[in-house]
């Protein structure tokens, strides 16, 4: 399959701390790729590198054949950060239409994604008056409004109720089936089975890079939590 994102020997440092240590991976177009690992593993840093907003020490990241962060791909990529990135003094609709206009998309696309994230009933409400979970969904709507070819989502389901989580994953699946490349980070292992491909990351290094079924087979278990722990122990044994 065609590669949408290529990460080659990526190294990121903060002070004397190594955040990503020579990480390499390929993300295929039109699939949902999950980035799994505990807090502090380097997930958000990797996503920032892919979007092109993270300073790197060495290595390279290309997205759709271009250097990450280059002007040619900015309109083709949607990014959701962990912290909601919307204007509190604008309504949900105004925010979504503003971000859609930035990438040359009409208001009808913004209105469609507001409904997609379950905020149709709050479209005219100021973002500053929304709950935390609603603000996250408003931010997601803005990321989706430009109909991006690559969608990078940093823990989008945090703070969402089970029904909305289910609807969000259904939406991501539909987008991937239509050709969108979706990369989504999470520390919730039960979401991993919804992905086509998984990157398991710990302490800035990849523990596994394969399908959920293959990773479970590698660890000799049908439980992804158990598989992750098994791979961690194996890594520790090799290091010792």
Protein backbone atom coordinates (compact mmCIF):
# COMPACT_ATOMS: atom_id res chain seq x y z
CA UNK A 1 0.00 0.00 0.00
CA UNK A 2 1.03 3.62 -0.52
CA UNK A 3 2.95 5.23 2.34
CA UNK A 4 1.52 8.53 3.62
CA UNK A 5 3.97 9.21 6.49
CA UNK A 6 7.61 8.15 6.68
CA UNK A 7 9.63 8.57 9.88
CA UNK A 8 13.33 7.80 9.56
CA UNK A 9 15.78 7.55 12.50
CA UNK A 10 14.00 10.35 14.36
CA UNK A 11 15.68 11.73 17.46
CA UNK A 12 14.21 14.43 19.71
CA UNK A 13 15.87 15.79 22.83
CA UNK A 14 14.73 18.18 25.53
CA UNK A 15 17.74 19.39 27.46
CA UNK A 16 19.63 16.25 28.41
CA UNK A 17 16.56 14.03 28.12
CA UNK A 18 16.10 11.89 25.03
CA UNK A 19 12.39 11.89 24.15
CA UNK A 20 12.59 9.90 20.89
CA UNK A 21 15.66 7.78 20.24
CA UNK A 22 16.19 6.92 16.59
CA UNK A 23 12.56 6.00 15.89
CA UNK A 24 11.57 4.81 12.41
CA UNK A 25 8.16 3.78 11.04
CA UNK A 26 5.91 4.00 7.98
CA UNK A 27 2.21 4.91 8.05
CA UNK A 28 0.11 3.63 5.16
CA UNK A 29 -2.46 5.76 3.40
CA UNK A 30 -6.14 5.07 4.05
CA UNK A 31 -5.68 3.20 7.33
CA UNK A 32 -6.26 3.89 11.01
CA UNK A 33 -2.93 3.69 12.80
CA UNK A 34 -2.94 3.70 16.58
CA UNK A 35 -0.08 5.12 18.61
CA UNK A 36 -0.26 3.40 21.99
CA UNK A 37 1.76 3.79 25.13
CA UNK A 38 1.79 5.21 28.68
CA UNK A 39 1.92 8.91 29.50
CA UNK A 40 5.39 10.29 28.86
CA UNK A 41 6.26 7.63 26.29
CA UNK A 42 6.77 10.19 23.50
CA UNK A 43 3.43 9.86 21.70
CA UNK A 44 2.58 13.57 21.56
CA UNK A 45 6.15 14.43 20.57
CA UNK A 46 5.99 12.02 17.64
CA UNK A 47 2.69 13.50 16.50
CA UNK A 48 4.13 17.02 16.74
CA UNK A 49 7.02 15.90 14.55
CA UNK A 50 4.59 14.56 11.96
CA UNK A 51 2.64 17.81 11.95
CA UNK A 52 5.91 19.76 11.70
CA UNK A 53 5.77 21.82 14.88
CA UNK A 54 8.44 19.98 16.88
CA UNK A 55 12.17 20.75 16.76
CA UNK A 56 14.12 17.57 16.04
CA UNK A 57 17.72 16.69 16.77
CA UNK A 58 18.23 14.41 13.77
CA UNK A 59 16.38 12.16 11.36
CA UNK A 60 13.54 13.07 9.04
CA UNK A 61 9.74 13.00 8.71
CA UNK A 62 7.90 13.20 5.40
CA UNK A 63 4.14 13.50 4.94
CA UNK A 64 2.55 12.86 1.55
CA UNK A 65 6.01 12.96 0.02
CA UNK A 66 6.89 16.36 1.50
CA UNK A 67 8.94 17.45 4.50
CA UNK A 68 6.76 17.61 7.62
CA UNK A 69 5.50 21.13 8.25
CA UNK A 70 6.06 22.33 4.68
CA UNK A 71 3.57 24.76 3.21
CA UNK A 72 2.53 22.27 0.52
CA UNK A 73 0.86 19.93 3.00
CA UNK A 74 -0.58 22.31 5.62
CA UNK A 75 -3.96 22.43 3.90
CA UNK A 76 -3.97 18.65 3.49
CA UNK A 77 -3.48 17.80 7.17
CA UNK A 78 -5.81 18.08 10.19
CA UNK A 79 -4.40 18.13 13.72
CA UNK A 80 -6.12 17.76 17.08
CA UNK A 81 -4.00 18.55 20.14
CA UNK A 82 -4.70 17.24 23.64
CA UNK A 83 -5.66 20.74 24.81
CA UNK A 84 -8.68 22.18 22.95
CA UNK A 85 -7.45 24.73 20.40
CA UNK A 86 -10.54 26.80 19.72
CA UNK A 87 -11.60 30.38 20.41
CA UNK A 88 -13.63 30.62 23.63
CA UNK A 89 -15.37 33.85 22.56
CA UNK A 90 -16.72 32.36 19.33
CA UNK A 91 -19.55 29.88 18.91
CA UNK A 92 -18.92 26.30 17.85
CA UNK A 93 -20.23 27.12 14.38
CA UNK A 94 -18.10 30.25 14.07
CA UNK A 95 -14.98 28.34 15.08
CA UNK A 96 -15.59 25.50 12.62
CA UNK A 97 -16.43 27.86 9.74
CA UNK A 98 -13.36 29.97 10.48
CA UNK A 99 -10.99 27.00 10.35
CA UNK A 100 -12.75 25.68 7.25
CA UNK A 101 -12.29 29.04 5.52
CA UNK A 102 -8.56 29.01 6.32
CA UNK A 103 -8.13 25.94 4.11
CA UNK A 104 -10.57 27.09 1.44
CA UNK A 105 -13.59 24.97 2.40
CA UNK A 106 -17.15 26.30 2.48
CA UNK A 107 -19.43 26.65 5.53
CA UNK A 108 -21.47 23.59 4.62
CA UNK A 109 -18.45 21.39 5.35
CA UNK A 110 -18.07 23.02 8.77
CA UNK A 111 -21.73 22.47 9.58
CA UNK A 112 -21.43 18.81 8.57
CA UNK A 113 -18.53 18.09 10.92
CA UNK A 114 -20.30 19.83 13.81
CA UNK A 115 -23.06 17.28 13.41
CA UNK A 116 -20.50 14.49 12.97
CA UNK A 117 -18.93 15.21 16.39
CA UNK A 118 -22.33 15.42 18.10
CA UNK A 119 -22.51 19.18 18.66
CA UNK A 120 -25.37 20.13 16.35
CA UNK A 121 -27.48 21.11 19.35
CA UNK A 122 -24.71 23.39 20.66
CA UNK A 123 -23.61 24.90 17.34
CA UNK A 124 -24.73 28.40 18.35
CA UNK A 125 -23.21 28.20 21.83
CA UNK A 126 -20.05 30.04 22.84
CA UNK A 127 -17.16 27.62 23.24
CA UNK A 128 -16.31 29.23 26.58
CA UNK A 129 -19.60 27.97 28.02
CA UNK A 130 -19.10 24.34 26.94
CA UNK A 131 -18.05 21.44 29.13
CA UNK A 132 -14.52 20.07 28.81
CA UNK A 133 -15.66 17.15 26.67
CA UNK A 134 -17.68 19.44 24.42
CA UNK A 135 -14.71 21.75 23.93
CA UNK A 136 -12.64 18.77 22.84
CA UNK A 137 -15.30 17.87 20.31
CA UNK A 138 -15.45 21.47 19.06
CA UNK A 139 -11.70 21.33 18.53
CA UNK A 140 -12.09 18.04 16.69
CA UNK A 141 -14.71 19.59 14.42
CA UNK A 142 -12.22 22.30 13.48
CA UNK A 143 -9.58 19.67 12.65
CA UNK A 144 -12.06 17.80 10.45
CA UNK A 145 -13.54 20.82 8.71
CA UNK A 146 -10.89 21.05 6.01
CA UNK A 147 -11.52 17.48 4.79
CA UNK A 148 -7.85 16.58 5.41
CA UNK A 149 -6.05 13.77 3.62
CA UNK A 150 -4.06 13.09 6.80
CA UNK A 151 -5.70 13.33 10.21
CA UNK A 152 -3.51 13.42 13.34
CA UNK A 153 -5.43 13.09 16.60
CA UNK A 154 -3.81 13.25 20.04
CA UNK A 155 -6.01 11.30 22.49
CA UNK A 156 -9.34 12.46 21.00
CA UNK A 157 -11.53 10.25 23.20
CA UNK A 158 -10.33 11.54 26.59
CA UNK A 159 -13.30 12.84 28.59
CA UNK A 160 -15.90 11.49 26.16
CA UNK A 161 -18.73 9.22 27.20
CA UNK A 162 -18.93 5.67 25.77
CA UNK A 163 -21.59 6.53 23.18
CA UNK A 164 -19.59 9.45 21.78
CA UNK A 165 -16.42 7.38 21.77
CA UNK A 166 -18.18 4.72 19.72
CA UNK A 167 -19.51 7.33 17.28
CA UNK A 168 -16.07 8.91 16.94
CA UNK A 169 -14.40 5.60 16.10
CA UNK A 170 -17.14 4.83 13.58
CA UNK A 171 -16.47 8.22 11.99
CA UNK A 172 -12.71 7.58 11.83
CA UNK A 173 -13.34 4.21 10.20
CA UNK A 174 -15.55 5.79 7.53
CA UNK A 175 -12.92 8.40 6.78
CA UNK A 176 -10.16 5.80 6.50
CA UNK A 177 -12.33 3.67 4.20
CA UNK A 178 -12.73 6.76 2.01
CA UNK A 179 -8.94 7.19 1.79
CA UNK A 180 -8.03 9.43 4.72
CA UNK A 181 -4.89 8.49 6.63
CA UNK A 182 -5.76 8.54 10.33
CA UNK A 183 -3.18 8.50 13.10
CA UNK A 184 -4.60 8.50 16.61
CA UNK A 185 -2.81 8.31 19.95
CA UNK A 186 -4.25 6.75 23.07
CA UNK A 187 -3.22 5.16 26.35
CA UNK A 188 -6.44 3.11 26.44
CA UNK A 189 -5.66 -0.37 25.19
CA UNK A 190 -9.25 -1.36 24.43
CA UNK A 191 -9.23 1.22 21.60
CA UNK A 192 -6.24 -0.46 19.98
CA UNK A 193 -8.33 -3.29 18.55
CA UNK A 194 -10.20 -0.72 16.45
CA UNK A 195 -7.03 0.18 14.55
CA UNK A 196 -5.67 -1.39 11.38
CA UNK A 197 -2.11 -0.99 12.56
CA UNK A 198 -0.43 -0.26 15.88
CA UNK A 199 2.73 1.43 17.03
CA UNK A 200 3.48 0.54 20.65
CA UNK A 201 5.87 3.07 22.13
CA UNK A 202 7.65 3.24 25.49
CA UNK A 203 10.45 5.54 26.64
CA UNK A 204 10.79 6.97 23.17
CA UNK A 205 11.34 3.66 21.40
CA UNK A 206 9.06 1.34 19.44
CA UNK A 207 8.18 -1.93 21.13
CA UNK A 208 6.06 -3.15 18.23
CA UNK A 209 4.96 -2.02 14.78
CA UNK A 210 2.31 -4.33 13.34
CA UNK A 211 -1.39 -5.21 13.24
CA UNK A 212 -3.23 -5.84 16.55
CA UNK A 213 -3.53 -9.54 15.70
CA UNK A 214 0.18 -9.87 14.89
CA UNK A 215 1.22 -8.10 18.09
CA UNK A 216 -0.97 -10.38 20.19
CA UNK A 217 0.46 -13.41 18.39
CA UNK A 218 4.00 -12.15 18.99
CA UNK A 219 3.31 -11.89 22.72
CA UNK A 220 1.39 -15.17 22.86
CA UNK A 221 -1.84 -13.68 24.22
CA UNK A 222 -5.22 -12.46 22.97
CA UNK A 223 -5.21 -9.49 25.37
CA UNK A 224 -3.44 -6.32 24.21
CA UNK A 225 -2.77 -5.12 27.75
CA UNK A 226 -1.03 -8.40 28.48
CA UNK A 227 0.78 -8.22 25.14
CA UNK A 228 2.12 -4.76 25.94
CA UNK A 229 3.39 -5.91 29.36
CA UNK A 230 5.00 -8.99 27.81
CA UNK A 231 6.84 -6.90 25.25
CA UNK A 232 8.02 -4.50 27.96
CA UNK A 233 9.42 -7.39 30.01
CA UNK A 234 11.19 -8.78 26.96
CA UNK A 235 12.73 -5.40 26.28
CA UNK A 236 13.93 -5.15 29.88
CA UNK A 237 15.44 -8.64 29.70
CA UNK A 238 17.36 -7.76 26.55
CA UNK A 239 18.59 -4.51 28.10
CA UNK A 240 19.76 -6.36 31.21
